[in-house]
Amino acid sequence: MLSSEQLLLILVFAVISAWWWRHLGIRQLALAHARKACQKANVQLLDQSVYLRKIRLARSPVSLVTVERSYEFEFSTRGDRRFLGWVVLTGRRLQRLELQPYSDDNWLQ
C-alpha cells in the first residue's frame, strides 16, 4: 500500500509532467507561427527553433487567468546577419508576432 507521501509525490510528478507536455505543444505552435511569418516575409528562420524568454500570468479574452508565453527567434535575409523576432501566446492564442526591422540588400546584387 502506498503512503500519503508517496501518493502526493506521484501526483506532483503527474502534474509537472502534464504541464511540461502541454508546454512542448505550445512551443511547437509558436514555432509554426514563426515559420509562417518568415515565409510570408521571405526571410530565413535560423536554427529552426524558438526560445522561451518570459512566462507570466495574464488575463485571457474571457477574463480568466491564463499563462502568457513570450518566445524569441532569429531570422536572416541572406544568412550573413541575424535579426530577432518575437511570438507572444496567451494560452494557445497568438497575441503578437513581430519581426525586428531589417533591410533587404538583395536588390543591390
PDB file of N, CA and C in Angstrom:
ATOM      1  N   MET A   1       0.840  -1.175   0.000  1.00  0.00           N
ATOM      2  CA  MET A   1       0.000   0.000   0.000  1.00  0.00           C
ATOM      3  C   MET A   1       0.889   1.245   0.000  1.00  0.00           C
ATOM      4  N   LEU A   2       0.484   2.252  -0.773  1.00  0.00           N
ATOM      5  CA  LEU A   2       1.252   3.491  -0.847  1.00  0.00           C
ATOM      6  C   LEU A   2       0.908   4.415   0.311  1.00  0.00           C
ATOM      7  N   SER A   3       1.923   5.068   0.826  1.00  0.00           N
ATOM      8  CA  SER A   3       1.689   6.036   1.899  1.00  0.00           C
ATOM      9  C   SER A   3       1.175   7.341   1.289  1.00  0.00           C
ATOM     10  N   SER A   4       0.703   8.224   2.124  1.00  0.00           N
ATOM     11  CA  SER A   4       0.188   9.507   1.629  1.00  0.00           C
ATOM     12  C   SER A   4       1.313  10.345   1.013  1.00  0.00           C
ATOM     13  N   GLU A   5       2.527  10.232   1.531  1.00  0.00           N
ATOM     14  CA  GLU A   5       3.659  10.959   0.954  1.00  0.00           C
ATOM     15  C   GLU A   5       3.976  10.453  -0.449  1.00  0.00           C
ATOM     16  N   GLN A   6       3.920   9.143  -0.626  1.00  0.00           N
ATOM     17  CA  GLN A   6       4.185   8.567  -1.943  1.00  0.00           C
ATOM     18  C   GLN A   6       3.104   8.971  -2.941  1.00  0.00           C
ATOM     19  N   LEU A   7       1.850   8.962  -2.514  1.00  0.00           N
ATOM     20  CA  LEU A   7       0.760   9.387  -3.393  1.00  0.00           C
ATOM     21  C   LEU A   7       0.904  10.855  -3.783  1.00  0.00           C
ATOM     22  N   LEU A   8       1.272  11.683  -2.824  1.00  0.00           N
ATOM     23  CA  LEU A   8       1.480  13.101  -3.099  1.00  0.00           C
ATOM     24  C   LEU A   8       2.625  13.293  -4.085  1.00  0.00           C
ATOM     25  N   LEU A   9       3.702  12.562  -3.900  1.00  0.00           N
ATOM     26  CA  LEU A   9       4.843  12.644  -4.807  1.00  0.00           C
ATOM     27  C   LEU A   9       4.453  12.223  -6.221  1.00  0.00           C
ATOM     28  N   ILE A  10       3.680  11.163  -6.349  1.00  0.00           N
ATOM     29  CA  ILE A  10       3.216  10.704  -7.663  1.00  0.00           C
ATOM     30  C   ILE A  10       2.315  11.757  -8.298  1.00  0.00           C
ATOM     31  N   LEU A  11       1.435  12.353  -7.516  1.00  0.00           N
ATOM     32  CA  LEU A  11       0.537  13.391  -8.023  1.00  0.00           C
ATOM     33  C   LEU A  11       1.321  14.609  -8.503  1.00  0.00           C
ATOM     34  N   VAL A  12       2.296  15.049  -7.727  1.00  0.00           N
ATOM     35  CA  VAL A  12       3.128  16.190  -8.120  1.00  0.00           C
ATOM     36  C   VAL A  12       3.874  15.875  -9.411  1.00  0.00           C
ATOM     37  N   PHE A  13       4.438  14.697  -9.514  1.00  0.00           N
ATOM     38  CA  PHE A  13       5.145  14.295 -10.729  1.00  0.00           C
ATOM     39  C   PHE A  13       4.196  14.282 -11.928  1.00  0.00           C
ATOM     40  N   ALA A  14       2.977  13.782 -11.745  1.00  0.00           N
ATOM     41  CA  ALA A  14       1.997  13.730 -12.835  1.00  0.00           C
ATOM     42  C   ALA A  14       1.602  15.132 -13.291  1.00  0.00           C
ATOM     43  N   VAL A  15       1.402  16.045 -12.356  1.00  0.00           N
ATOM     44  CA  VAL A  15       1.033  17.423 -12.701  1.00  0.00           C
ATOM     45  C   VAL A  15       2.171  18.108 -13.449  1.00  0.00           C
ATOM     46  N   ILE A  16       3.392  17.949 -12.973  1.00  0.00           N
ATOM     47  CA  ILE A  16       4.550  18.555 -13.649  1.00  0.00           C
ATOM     48  C   ILE A  16       4.722  17.962 -15.044  1.00  0.00           C
ATOM     49  N   SER A  17       4.559  16.669 -15.175  1.00  0.00           N
ATOM     50  CA  SER A  17       4.674  16.019 -16.488  1.00  0.00           C
ATOM     51  C   SER A  17       3.611  16.517 -17.448  1.00  0.00           C
ATOM     52  N   ALA A  18       2.376  16.662 -16.987  1.00  0.00           N
ATOM     53  CA  ALA A  18       1.290  17.158 -17.841  1.00  0.00           C
ATOM     54  C   ALA A  18       1.559  18.597 -18.264  1.00  0.00           C
ATOM     55  N   TRP A  19       2.034  19.431 -17.332  1.00  0.00           N
ATOM     56  CA  TRP A  19       2.335  20.819 -17.669  1.00  0.00           C
ATOM     57  C   TRP A  19       3.466  20.880 -18.701  1.00  0.00           C
ATOM     58  N   TRP A  20       4.492  20.070 -18.521  1.00  0.00           N
ATOM     59  CA  TRP A  20       5.624  20.052 -19.453  1.00  0.00           C
ATOM     60  C   TRP A  20       5.176  19.603 -20.842  1.00  0.00           C
ATOM     61  N   TRP A  21       4.330  18.589 -20.914  1.00  0.00           N
ATOM     62  CA  TRP A  21       3.825  18.086 -22.189  1.00  0.00           C
ATOM     63  C   TRP A  21       3.042  19.184 -22.910  1.00  0.00           C
ATOM     64  N   ARG A  22       2.185  19.898 -22.179  1.00  0.00           N
ATOM     65  CA  ARG A  22       1.407  20.994 -22.768  1.00  0.00           C
ATOM     66  C   ARG A  22       2.335  22.112 -23.227  1.00  0.00           C
ATOM     67  N   HIS A  23       3.354  22.416 -22.421  1.00  0.00           N
ATOM     68  CA  HIS A  23       4.316  23.457 -22.789  1.00  0.00           C
ATOM     69  C   HIS A  23       5.006  23.117 -24.110  1.00  0.00           C
ATOM     70  N   LEU A  24       5.392  21.868 -24.311  1.00  0.00           N
ATOM     71  CA  LEU A  24       6.041  21.468 -25.560  1.00  0.00           C
ATOM     72  C   LEU A  24       5.106  21.648 -26.746  1.00  0.00           C
ATOM     73  N   GLY A  25       3.822  21.347 -26.567  1.00  0.00           N
ATOM     74  CA  GLY A  25       2.844  21.551 -27.633  1.00  0.00           C
ATOM     75  C   GLY A  25       2.687  23.020 -27.985  1.00  0.00           C
ATOM     76  N   ILE A  26       2.668  23.884 -26.982  1.00  0.00           N
ATOM     77  CA  ILE A  26       2.540  25.320 -27.224  1.00  0.00           C
ATOM     78  C   ILE A  26       3.811  25.857 -27.864  1.00  0.00           C
ATOM     79  N   ARG A  27       4.956  25.327 -27.499  1.00  0.00           N
ATOM     80  CA  ARG A  27       6.217  25.731 -28.137  1.00  0.00           C
ATOM     81  C   ARG A  27       6.188  25.390 -29.625  1.00  0.00           C
ATOM     82  N   GLN A  28       5.656  24.221 -29.970  1.00  0.00           N
ATOM     83  CA  GLN A  28       5.538  23.838 -31.381  1.00  0.00           C
ATOM     84  C   GLN A  28       4.601  24.788 -32.123  1.00  0.00           C
ATOM     85  N   LEU A  29       3.550  25.242 -31.462  1.00  0.00           N
ATOM     86  CA  LEU A  29       2.633  26.212 -32.055  1.00  0.00           C
ATOM     87  C   LEU A  29       3.351  27.541 -32.307  1.00  0.00           C
ATOM     88  N   ALA A  30       4.159  27.987 -31.353  1.00  0.00           N
ATOM     89  CA  ALA A  30       4.938  29.220 -31.527  1.00  0.00           C
ATOM     90  C   ALA A  30       5.917  29.075 -32.687  1.00  0.00           C
ATOM     91  N   LEU A  31       6.539  27.917 -32.809  1.00  0.00           N
ATOM     92  CA  LEU A  31       7.459  27.661 -33.917  1.00  0.00           C
ATOM     93  C   LEU A  31       6.725  27.708 -35.253  1.00  0.00           C
ATOM     94  N   ALA A  32       5.522  27.157 -35.311  1.00  0.00           N
ATOM     95  CA  ALA A  32       4.732  27.194 -36.547  1.00  0.00           C
ATOM     96  C   ALA A  32       4.389  28.633 -36.928  1.00  0.00           C
ATOM     97  N   HIS A  33       4.044  29.471 -35.949  1.00  0.00           N
ATOM     98  CA  HIS A  33       3.761  30.887 -36.224  1.00  0.00           C
ATOM     99  C   HIS A  33       5.019  31.596 -36.731  1.00  0.00           C
ATOM    100  N   ALA A  34       6.173  31.306 -36.132  1.00  0.00           N
ATOM    101  CA  ALA A  34       7.431  31.927 -36.562  1.00  0.00           C
ATOM    102  C   ALA A  34       7.776  31.507 -37.989  1.00  0.00           C
ATOM    103  N   ARG A  35       7.613  30.227 -38.308  1.00  0.00           N
ATOM    104  CA  ARG A  35       7.889  29.750 -39.671  1.00  0.00           C
ATOM    105  C   ARG A  35       6.996  30.441 -40.692  1.00  0.00           C
ATOM    106  N   LYS A  36       5.720  30.531 -40.365  1.00  0.00           N
ATOM    107  CA  LYS A  36       4.759  31.154 -41.286  1.00  0.00           C
ATOM    108  C   LYS A  36       5.101  32.627 -41.509  1.00  0.00           C
ATOM    109  N   ALA A  37       5.463  33.340 -40.442  1.00  0.00           N
ATOM    110  CA  ALA A  37       5.830  34.752 -40.565  1.00  0.00           C
ATOM    111  C   ALA A  37       7.085  34.919 -41.410  1.00  0.00           C
ATOM    112  N   CYS A  38       8.063  34.041 -41.235  1.00  0.00           N
ATOM    113  CA  CYS A  38       9.300  34.120 -42.019  1.00  0.00           C
ATOM    114  C   CYS A  38       9.037  33.812 -43.489  1.00  0.00           C
ATOM    115  N   GLN A  39       8.196  32.834 -43.766  1.00  0.00           N
ATOM    116  CA  GLN A  39       7.851  32.527 -45.155  1.00  0.00           C
ATOM    117  C   GLN A  39       7.136  33.704 -45.798  1.00  0.00           C
ATOM    118  N   LYS A  40       6.212  34.304 -45.073  1.00  0.00           N
ATOM    119  CA  LYS A  40       5.451  35.441 -45.600  1.00  0.00           C
ATOM    120  C   LYS A  40       6.361  36.636 -45.869  1.00  0.00           C
ATOM    121  N   ALA A  41       7.358  36.858 -45.010  1.00  0.00           N
ATOM    122  CA  ALA A  41       8.288  37.978 -45.172  1.00  0.00           C
ATOM    123  C   ALA A  41       9.444  37.635 -46.107  1.00  0.00           C
ATOM    124  N   ASN A  42       9.492  36.400 -46.590  1.00  0.00           N
ATOM    125  CA  ASN A  42      10.549  35.940 -47.486  1.00  0.00           C
ATOM    126  C   ASN A  42      11.935  36.058 -46.837  1.00  0.00           C
ATOM    127  N   VAL A  43      12.009  35.627 -45.579  1.00  0.00           N
ATOM    128  CA  VAL A  43      13.282  35.577 -44.859  1.00  0.00           C
ATOM    129  C   VAL A  43      13.477  34.154 -44.348  1.00  0.00           C
ATOM    130  N   GLN A  44      14.687  33.865 -43.888  1.00  0.00           N
ATOM    131  CA  GLN A  44      15.034  32.516 -43.443  1.00  0.00           C
ATOM    132  C   GLN A  44      14.998  32.429 -41.916  1.00  0.00           C
ATOM    133  N   LEU A  45      14.218  31.482 -41.390  1.00  0.00           N
ATOM    134  CA  LEU A  45      14.202  31.206 -39.950  1.00  0.00           C
ATOM    135  C   LEU A  45      15.492  30.466 -39.606  1.00  0.00           C
ATOM    136  N   LEU A  46      16.274  31.033 -38.711  1.00  0.00           N
ATOM    137  CA  LEU A  46      17.558  30.431 -38.350  1.00  0.00           C
ATOM    138  C   LEU A  46      17.388  29.448 -37.199  1.00  0.00           C
ATOM    139  N   ASP A  47      18.148  28.404 -37.204  1.00  0.00           N
ATOM    140  CA  ASP A  47      18.185  27.368 -36.167  1.00  0.00           C
ATOM    141  C   ASP A  47      16.887  26.577 -36.052  1.00  0.00           C
ATOM    142  N   GLN A  48      15.873  26.915 -36.832  1.00  0.00           N
ATOM    143  CA  GLN A  48      14.588  26.204 -36.829  1.00  0.00           C
ATOM    144  C   GLN A  48      14.049  26.009 -35.422  1.00  0.00           C
ATOM    145  N   SER A  49      14.139  27.059 -34.600  1.00  0.00           N
ATOM    146  CA  SER A  49      13.654  26.930 -33.227  1.00  0.00           C
ATOM    147  C   SER A  49      13.236  28.287 -32.666  1.00  0.00           C
ATOM    148  N   VAL A  50      12.454  28.225 -31.598  1.00  0.00           N
ATOM    149  CA  VAL A  50      12.076  29.404 -30.826  1.00  0.00           C
ATOM    150  C   VAL A  50      12.549  29.171 -29.393  1.00  0.00           C
ATOM    151  N   TYR A  51      12.807  30.269 -28.684  1.00  0.00           N
ATOM    152  CA  TYR A  51      13.345  30.185 -27.329  1.00  0.00           C
ATOM    153  C   TYR A  51      12.402  30.897 -26.368  1.00  0.00           C
ATOM    154  N   LEU A  52      12.027  30.233 -25.293  1.00  0.00           N
ATOM    155  CA  LEU A  52      11.162  30.839 -24.291  1.00  0.00           C
ATOM    156  C   LEU A  52      11.931  31.936 -23.567  1.00  0.00           C
ATOM    157  N   ARG A  53      11.406  33.153 -23.595  1.00  0.00           N
ATOM    158  CA  ARG A  53      12.064  34.281 -22.943  1.00  0.00           C
ATOM    159  C   ARG A  53      11.352  34.721 -21.673  1.00  0.00           C
ATOM    160  N   LYS A  54      10.019  34.590 -21.661  1.00  0.00           N
ATOM    161  CA  LYS A  54       9.276  35.050 -20.492  1.00  0.00           C
ATOM    162  C   LYS A  54       7.994  34.242 -20.371  1.00  0.00           C
ATOM    163  N   ILE A  55       7.610  33.970 -19.151  1.00  0.00           N
ATOM    164  CA  ILE A  55       6.344  33.297 -18.875  1.00  0.00           C
ATOM    165  C   ILE A  55       5.712  34.024 -17.694  1.00  0.00           C
ATOM    166  N   ARG A  56       4.422  34.353 -17.845  1.00  0.00           N
ATOM    167  CA  ARG A  56       3.740  35.078 -16.773  1.00  0.00           C
ATOM    168  C   ARG A  56       2.252  34.781 -16.829  1.00  0.00           C
ATOM    169  N   LEU A  57       1.553  35.138 -15.771  1.00  0.00           N
ATOM    170  CA  LEU A  57       0.102  35.009 -15.745  1.00  0.00           C
ATOM    171  C   LEU A  57      -0.510  36.238 -16.404  1.00  0.00           C
ATOM    172  N   ALA A  58      -1.577  36.033 -17.172  1.00  0.00           N
ATOM    173  CA  ALA A  58      -2.255  37.131 -17.856  1.00  0.00           C
ATOM    174  C   ALA A  58      -3.741  36.815 -17.936  1.00  0.00           C
ATOM    175  N   ARG A  59      -4.521  37.815 -18.292  1.00  0.00           N
ATOM    176  CA  ARG A  59      -5.954  37.604 -18.486  1.00  0.00           C
ATOM    177  C   ARG A  59      -6.206  37.172 -19.919  1.00  0.00           C
ATOM    178  N   SER A  60      -7.079  36.196 -20.060  1.00  0.00           N
ATOM    179  CA  SER A  60      -7.469  35.747 -21.392  1.00  0.00           C
ATOM    180  C   SER A  60      -8.631  36.615 -21.873  1.00  0.00           C
ATOM    181  N   PRO A  61      -9.020  36.499 -23.145  1.00  0.00           N
ATOM    182  CA  PRO A  61     -10.130  37.310 -23.668  1.00  0.00           C
ATOM    183  C   PRO A  61     -11.448  37.116 -22.910  1.00  0.00           C
ATOM    184  N   VAL A  62     -11.601  36.012 -22.220  1.00  0.00           N
ATOM    185  CA  VAL A  62     -12.834  35.778 -21.460  1.00  0.00           C
ATOM    186  C   VAL A  62     -12.630  36.068 -19.969  1.00  0.00           C
ATOM    187  N   SER A  63     -11.625  36.883 -19.644  1.00  0.00           N
ATOM    188  CA  SER A  63     -11.338  37.351 -18.284  1.00  0.00           C
ATOM    189  C   SER A  63     -10.920  36.260 -17.313  1.00  0.00           C
ATOM    190  N   LEU A  64     -10.388  35.185 -17.808  1.00  0.00           N
ATOM    191  CA  LEU A  64      -9.838  34.153 -16.942  1.00  0.00           C
ATOM    192  C   LEU A  64      -8.325  34.294 -16.905  1.00  0.00           C
ATOM    193  N   VAL A  65      -7.735  33.828 -15.857  1.00  0.00           N
ATOM    194  CA  VAL A  65      -6.278  33.871 -15.761  1.00  0.00           C
ATOM    195  C   VAL A  65      -5.708  32.721 -16.579  1.00  0.00           C
ATOM    196  N   THR A  66      -4.714  33.037 -17.381  1.00  0.00           N
ATOM    197  CA  THR A  66      -4.053  32.033 -18.207  1.00  0.00           C
ATOM    198  C   THR A  66      -2.555  32.331 -18.230  1.00  0.00           C
ATOM    199  N   VAL A  67      -1.811  31.503 -18.891  1.00  0.00           N
ATOM    200  CA  VAL A  67      -0.358  31.666 -18.966  1.00  0.00           C
ATOM    201  C   VAL A  67      -0.003  32.345 -20.284  1.00  0.00           C
ATOM    202  N   GLU A  68       0.799  33.403 -20.198  1.00  0.00           N
ATOM    203  CA  GLU A  68       1.302  34.082 -21.394  1.00  0.00           C
ATOM    204  C   GLU A  68       2.772  33.720 -21.552  1.00  0.00           C
ATOM    205  N   ARG A  69       3.119  33.241 -22.738  1.00  0.00           N
ATOM    206  CA  ARG A  69       4.498  32.846 -23.028  1.00  0.00           C
ATOM    207  C   ARG A  69       5.046  33.728 -24.138  1.00  0.00           C
ATOM    208  N   SER A  70       6.243  34.244 -23.935  1.00  0.00           N
ATOM    209  CA  SER A  70       6.922  35.052 -24.948  1.00  0.00           C
ATOM    210  C   SER A  70       8.117  34.263 -25.465  1.00  0.00           C
ATOM    211  N   TYR A  71       8.144  34.073 -26.771  1.00  0.00           N
ATOM    212  CA  TYR A  71       9.220  33.331 -27.421  1.00  0.00           C
ATOM    213  C   TYR A  71      10.001  34.273 -28.325  1.00  0.00           C
ATOM    214  N   GLU A  72      11.262  33.953 -28.519  1.00  0.00           N
ATOM    215  CA  GLU A  72      12.140  34.724 -29.384  1.00  0.00           C
ATOM    216  C   GLU A  72      12.734  33.784 -30.419  1.00  0.00           C
ATOM    217  N   PHE A  73      12.954  34.300 -31.622  1.00  0.00           N
ATOM    218  CA  PHE A  73      13.602  33.511 -32.664  1.00  0.00           C
ATOM    219  C   PHE A  73      14.481  34.440 -33.486  1.00  0.00           C
ATOM    220  N   GLU A  74      15.345  33.856 -34.296  1.00  0.00           N
ATOM    221  CA  GLU A  74      16.238  34.635 -35.149  1.00  0.00           C
ATOM    222  C   GLU A  74      15.957  34.311 -36.601  1.00  0.00           C
ATOM    223  N   PHE A  75      16.100  35.335 -37.445  1.00  0.00           N
ATOM    224  CA  PHE A  75      15.911  35.155 -38.876  1.00  0.00           C
ATOM    225  C   PHE A  75      16.960  35.970 -39.620  1.00  0.00           C
ATOM    226  N   SER A  76      17.092  35.692 -40.904  1.00  0.00           N
ATOM    227  CA  SER A  76      18.079  36.373 -41.728  1.00  0.00           C
ATOM    228  C   SER A  76      17.527  36.564 -43.128  1.00  0.00           C
ATOM    229  N   THR A  77      17.988  37.622 -43.794  1.00  0.00           N
ATOM    230  CA  THR A  77      17.574  37.846 -45.179  1.00  0.00           C
ATOM    231  C   THR A  77      18.461  37.076 -46.144  1.00  0.00           C
ATOM    232  N   ARG A  78      19.756  37.035 -45.864  1.00  0.00           N
ATOM    233  CA  ARG A  78      20.693  36.340 -46.751  1.00  0.00           C
ATOM    234  C   ARG A  78      21.581  35.340 -46.028  1.00  0.00           C
ATOM    235  N   GLY A  79      21.512  35.290 -44.720  1.00  0.00           N
ATOM    236  CA  GLY A  79      22.337  34.360 -43.961  1.00  0.00           C
ATOM    237  C   GLY A  79      23.559  34.991 -43.334  1.00  0.00           C
ATOM    238  N   ASP A  80      23.825  36.267 -43.631  1.00  0.00           N
ATOM    239  CA  ASP A  80      25.029  36.896 -43.086  1.00  0.00           C
ATOM    240  C   ASP A  80      24.753  37.713 -41.819  1.00  0.00           C
ATOM    241  N   ARG A  81      23.530  38.161 -41.614  1.00  0.00           N
ATOM    242  CA  ARG A  81      23.168  38.927 -40.413  1.00  0.00           C
ATOM    243  C   ARG A  81      21.955  38.299 -39.751  1.00  0.00           C
ATOM    244  N   ARG A  82      21.932  38.360 -38.430  1.00  0.00           N
ATOM    245  CA  ARG A  82      20.806  37.807 -37.669  1.00  0.00           C
ATOM    246  C   ARG A  82      19.932  38.950 -37.159  1.00  0.00           C
ATOM    247  N   PHE A  83      18.627  38.739 -37.272  1.00  0.00           N
ATOM    248  CA  PHE A  83      17.646  39.671 -36.741  1.00  0.00           C
ATOM    249  C   PHE A  83      16.727  38.903 -35.792  1.00  0.00           C
ATOM    250  N   LEU A  84      16.074  39.622 -34.887  1.00  0.00           N
ATOM    251  CA  LEU A  84      15.205  38.984 -33.899  1.00  0.00           C
ATOM    252  C   LEU A  84      13.740  39.070 -34.292  1.00  0.00           C
ATOM    253  N   GLY A  85      13.003  38.061 -33.865  1.00  0.00           N
ATOM    254  CA  GLY A  85      11.555  38.049 -34.000  1.00  0.00           C
ATOM    255  C   GLY A  85      10.963  37.561 -32.692  1.00  0.00           C
ATOM    256  N   TRP A  86       9.695  37.915 -32.458  1.00  0.00           N
ATOM    257  CA  TRP A  86       9.034  37.554 -31.210  1.00  0.00           C
ATOM    258  C   TRP A  86       7.645  36.998 -31.478  1.00  0.00           C
ATOM    259  N   VAL A  87       7.276  35.986 -30.720  1.00  0.00           N
ATOM    260  CA  VAL A  87       5.934  35.408 -30.743  1.00  0.00           C
ATOM    261  C   VAL A  87       5.426  35.420 -29.306  1.00  0.00           C
ATOM    262  N   VAL A  88       4.241  35.994 -29.097  1.00  0.00           N
ATOM    263  CA  VAL A  88       3.628  36.013 -27.771  1.00  0.00           C
ATOM    264  C   VAL A  88       2.307  35.262 -27.863  1.00  0.00           C
ATOM    265  N   LEU A  89       2.168  34.228 -27.037  1.00  0.00           N
ATOM    266  CA  LEU A  89       0.952  33.417 -26.994  1.00  0.00           C
ATOM    267  C   LEU A  89       0.319  33.530 -25.616  1.00  0.00           C
ATOM    268  N   THR A  90      -0.987  33.764 -25.602  1.00  0.00           N
ATOM    269  CA  THR A  90      -1.760  33.709 -24.364  1.00  0.00           C
ATOM    270  C   THR A  90      -2.569  32.433 -24.429  1.00  0.00           C
ATOM    271  N   GLY A  91      -2.204  31.476 -23.608  1.00  0.00           N
ATOM    272  CA  GLY A  91      -2.771  30.141 -23.775  1.00  0.00           C
ATOM    273  C   GLY A  91      -2.260  29.596 -25.102  1.00  0.00           C
ATOM    274  N   ARG A  92      -3.180  29.253 -26.005  1.00  0.00           N
ATOM    275  CA  ARG A  92      -2.803  28.804 -27.347  1.00  0.00           C
ATOM    276  C   ARG A  92      -3.105  29.872 -28.395  1.00  0.00           C
ATOM    277  N   ARG A  93      -3.529  31.041 -27.952  1.00  0.00           N
ATOM    278  CA  ARG A  93      -3.928  32.115 -28.862  1.00  0.00           C
ATOM    279  C   ARG A  93      -2.753  33.048 -29.143  1.00  0.00           C
ATOM    280  N   LEU A  94      -2.543  33.338 -30.422  1.00  0.00           N
ATOM    281  CA  LEU A  94      -1.483  34.268 -30.814  1.00  0.00           C
ATOM    282  C   LEU A  94      -1.897  35.685 -30.428  1.00  0.00           C
ATOM    283  N   GLN A  95      -1.079  36.342 -29.624  1.00  0.00           N
ATOM    284  CA  GLN A  95      -1.346  37.722 -29.221  1.00  0.00           C
ATOM    285  C   GLN A  95      -0.532  38.717 -30.040  1.00  0.00           C
ATOM    286  N   ARG A  96       0.713  38.373 -30.313  1.00  0.00           N
ATOM    287  CA  ARG A  96       1.583  39.307 -31.033  1.00  0.00           C
ATOM    288  C   ARG A  96       2.681  38.534 -31.736  1.00  0.00           C
ATOM    289  N   LEU A  97       3.010  38.980 -32.923  1.00  0.00           N
ATOM    290  CA  LEU A  97       4.136  38.425 -33.667  1.00  0.00           C
ATOM    291  C   LEU A  97       4.852  39.608 -34.306  1.00  0.00           C
ATOM    292  N   GLU A  98       6.123  39.761 -34.020  1.00  0.00           N
ATOM    293  CA  GLU A  98       6.898  40.888 -34.533  1.00  0.00           C
ATOM    294  C   GLU A  98       8.206  40.400 -35.137  1.00  0.00           C
ATOM    295  N   LEU A  99       8.619  41.089 -36.184  1.00  0.00           N
ATOM    296  CA  LEU A  99       9.946  40.895 -36.757  1.00  0.00           C
ATOM    297  C   LEU A  99      10.707  42.197 -36.579  1.00  0.00           C
ATOM    298  N   GLN A 100      11.938  42.094 -36.128  1.00  0.00           N
ATOM    299  CA  GLN A 100      12.787  43.270 -35.984  1.00  0.00           C
ATOM    300  C   GLN A 100      12.941  43.916 -37.355  1.00  0.00           C
ATOM    301  N   PRO A 101      12.936  45.252 -37.431  1.00  0.00           N
ATOM    302  CA  PRO A 101      13.142  45.898 -38.733  1.00  0.00           C
ATOM    303  C   PRO A 101      14.474  45.460 -39.342  1.00  0.00           C
ATOM    304  N   TYR A 102      14.439  45.185 -40.621  1.00  0.00           N
ATOM    305  CA  TYR A 102      15.630  44.729 -41.327  1.00  0.00           C
ATOM    306  C   TYR A 102      15.630  45.346 -42.712  1.00  0.00           C
ATOM    307  N   SER A 103      16.806  45.402 -43.317  1.00  0.00           N
ATOM    308  CA  SER A 103      16.885  45.881 -44.697  1.00  0.00           C
ATOM    309  C   SER A 103      17.268  44.705 -45.576  1.00  0.00           C
ATOM    310  N   ASP A 104      16.582  44.602 -46.671  1.00  0.00           N
ATOM    311  CA  ASP A 104      16.863  43.531 -47.623  1.00  0.00           C
ATOM    312  C   ASP A 104      17.768  44.106 -48.705  1.00  0.00           C
ATOM    313  N   ASP A 105      19.056  43.809 -48.599  1.00  0.00           N
ATOM    314  CA  ASP A 105      20.029  44.347 -49.549  1.00  0.00           C
ATOM    315  C   ASP A 105      20.180  43.482 -50.785  1.00  0.00           C
ATOM    316  N   ASN A 106      19.301  42.501 -50.975  1.00  0.00           N
ATOM    317  CA  ASN A 106      19.416  41.609 -52.127  1.00  0.00           C
ATOM    318  C   ASN A 106      19.261  42.346 -53.450  1.00  0.00           C
ATOM    319  N   TRP A 107      18.518  43.427 -53.473  1.00  0.00           N
ATOM    320  CA  TRP A 107      18.283  44.129 -54.735  1.00  0.00           C
ATOM    321  C   TRP A 107      19.538  44.830 -55.248  1.00  0.00           C
ATOM    322  N   LEU A 108      20.551  45.010 -54.401  1.00  0.00           N
ATOM    323  CA  LEU A 108      21.792  45.652 -54.826  1.00  0.00           C
ATOM    324  C   LEU A 108      22.676  44.711 -55.632  1.00  0.00           C
ATOM    325  N   GLN A 109      22.438  43.431 -55.532  1.00  0.00           N
ATOM    326  CA  GLN A 109      23.335  42.472 -56.182  1.00  0.00           C
ATOM    327  C   GLN A 109      22.829  42.072 -57.532  1.00  0.00           C
TER     328      GLN A 109
END
